[in-house]
Amino acid sequence: MTEPGFFEKVYQVAALIPYGKVTSYGAIANYLGASGSARMVGWAMNNSHNKDNIPAHRVVNRKGLLTGKHHFDGTNLMQQLLESEGIDVINNQIQDFEKLFWDPSKEL
């Protein structure tokens, strides 16, 4: 069995983000031992639209901004998905970001 590639590892972590929680590109990169690779995690999330059960809408930037929203179908799909989980978003900013933040390094 071959070792999964970086994108697959990102998807494995992203699939574990609990409902109603969010994490950041950098937190996933750090968990995978690739600190400084937040942008690569972002690329993985951008390419996850053809993957099942990858909650890419739960991955945001380190400040809680919906920086990847233009990769979702429709104008506000990322925000709508987050709001359907009870997460408040105002001006593309997750409210109570620190309270909702899920850090895979501490949780897994």
Protein backbone atom coordinates (compact mmCIF):
# COMPACT_ATOMS: atom_id res chain seq x y z
CA MET A 1 0.00 0.00 0.00
CA THR A 2 1.41 3.38 -0.94
CA GLU A 3 1.65 6.38 1.36
CA PRO A 4 -1.17 8.87 0.66
CA GLY A 5 -0.13 12.11 -1.05
CA PHE A 6 -0.31 15.47 0.68
CA PHE A 7 -3.75 16.35 -0.69
CA GLU A 8 -5.15 12.99 0.47
CA LYS A 9 -3.72 13.58 3.95
CA VAL A 10 -5.37 17.01 3.98
CA TYR A 11 -8.70 15.41 3.02
CA GLN A 12 -8.34 12.81 5.77
CA VAL A 13 -7.92 15.56 8.39
CA ALA A 14 -10.63 17.79 6.92
CA ALA A 15 -13.10 14.90 7.00
CA LEU A 16 -12.70 14.82 10.80
CA ILE A 17 -13.65 18.46 11.45
CA PRO A 18 -16.71 18.25 13.68
CA TYR A 19 -20.07 19.66 12.63
CA GLY A 20 -20.38 23.26 13.84
CA LYS A 21 -16.61 23.74 14.12
CA VAL A 22 -14.01 25.31 11.83
CA THR A 23 -10.26 25.07 11.41
CA SER A 24 -7.64 26.89 9.40
CA TYR A 25 -5.41 25.97 6.49
CA GLY A 26 -2.39 26.52 8.74
CA ALA A 27 -3.73 24.30 11.54
CA ILE A 28 -4.09 21.41 9.09
CA ALA A 29 -0.61 22.06 7.67
CA ASN A 30 0.89 22.13 11.18
CA TYR A 31 -0.86 18.90 12.11
CA LEU A 32 0.59 17.23 9.02
CA GLY A 33 4.10 18.38 9.97
CA ALA A 34 4.20 20.84 7.09
CA SER A 35 4.05 24.19 8.85
CA GLY A 36 4.36 26.93 6.28
CA SER A 37 2.28 24.93 3.80
CA ALA A 38 -1.08 26.58 4.52
CA ARG A 39 -1.33 27.63 0.88
CA MET A 40 -0.95 24.01 -0.26
CA VAL A 41 -3.77 23.05 2.11
CA GLY A 42 -5.82 25.79 0.44
CA TRP A 43 -5.07 24.29 -2.97
CA ALA A 44 -6.19 20.90 -1.68
CA MET A 45 -9.44 22.42 -0.42
CA ASN A 46 -9.97 24.17 -3.77
CA ASN A 47 -9.67 20.78 -5.47
CA SER A 48 -11.91 18.94 -3.02
CA HIS A 49 -15.17 19.75 -4.82
CA ASN A 50 -15.08 16.38 -6.58
CA LYS A 51 -14.48 14.49 -3.32
CA ASP A 52 -17.32 13.13 -1.20
CA ASN A 53 -17.63 13.97 2.48
CA ILE A 54 -14.92 16.65 2.56
CA PRO A 55 -16.36 19.61 4.51
CA ALA A 56 -14.18 22.22 2.80
CA HIS A 57 -16.55 24.95 4.00
CA ARG A 58 -15.19 24.37 7.53
CA VAL A 59 -11.64 25.38 6.54
CA VAL A 60 -10.95 29.12 6.66
CA ASN A 61 -7.94 31.38 7.04
CA ARG A 62 -6.18 31.96 10.37
CA LYS A 63 -8.36 35.01 11.08
CA GLY A 64 -11.64 33.23 10.43
CA LEU A 65 -12.24 34.77 7.01
CA LEU A 66 -14.00 32.84 4.24
CA THR A 67 -11.11 33.29 1.81
CA GLY A 68 -12.02 30.20 -0.21
CA LYS A 69 -15.66 31.10 -0.80
CA HIS A 70 -15.19 31.83 -4.50
CA HIS A 71 -14.40 28.14 -5.05
CA PHE A 72 -17.95 27.14 -4.05
CA ASP A 73 -20.88 27.07 -6.45
CA GLY A 74 -23.23 30.01 -6.06
CA THR A 75 -22.52 33.33 -4.45
CA ASN A 76 -22.78 32.47 -0.78
CA LEU A 77 -22.72 28.67 -0.61
CA MET A 78 -19.78 28.49 1.81
CA GLN A 79 -21.47 30.94 4.18
CA GLN A 80 -24.83 29.16 3.84
CA LEU A 81 -23.25 25.80 4.68
CA LEU A 82 -21.60 27.28 7.78
CA GLU A 83 -24.79 29.03 8.85
CA SER A 84 -26.73 25.77 8.45
CA GLU A 85 -24.40 24.39 11.15
CA GLY A 86 -25.19 27.31 13.48
CA ILE A 87 -22.06 29.34 12.70
CA ASP A 88 -22.62 33.10 12.42
CA VAL A 89 -20.83 34.81 9.53
CA ILE A 90 -20.81 38.59 9.12
CA ASN A 91 -18.91 40.25 6.25
CA ASN A 92 -17.16 36.95 5.40
CA GLN A 93 -15.90 36.73 9.01
CA ILE A 94 -16.78 33.87 11.35
CA GLN A 95 -18.10 35.24 14.62
CA ASP A 96 -16.73 33.68 17.83
CA PHE A 97 -13.92 32.16 15.75
CA GLU A 98 -11.78 31.24 18.76
CA LYS A 99 -14.71 29.43 20.40
CA LEU A 100 -15.53 27.47 17.23
CA PHE A 101 -11.92 26.72 16.27
CA TRP A 102 -10.97 23.04 16.04
CA ASP A 103 -7.22 22.37 16.24
CA PRO A 104 -6.36 18.91 14.91
CA SER A 105 -3.04 18.97 16.79
CA LYS A 106 -4.94 19.13 20.08
CA GLU A 107 -7.93 17.00 19.11
CA LEU A 108 -6.39 14.06 17.24
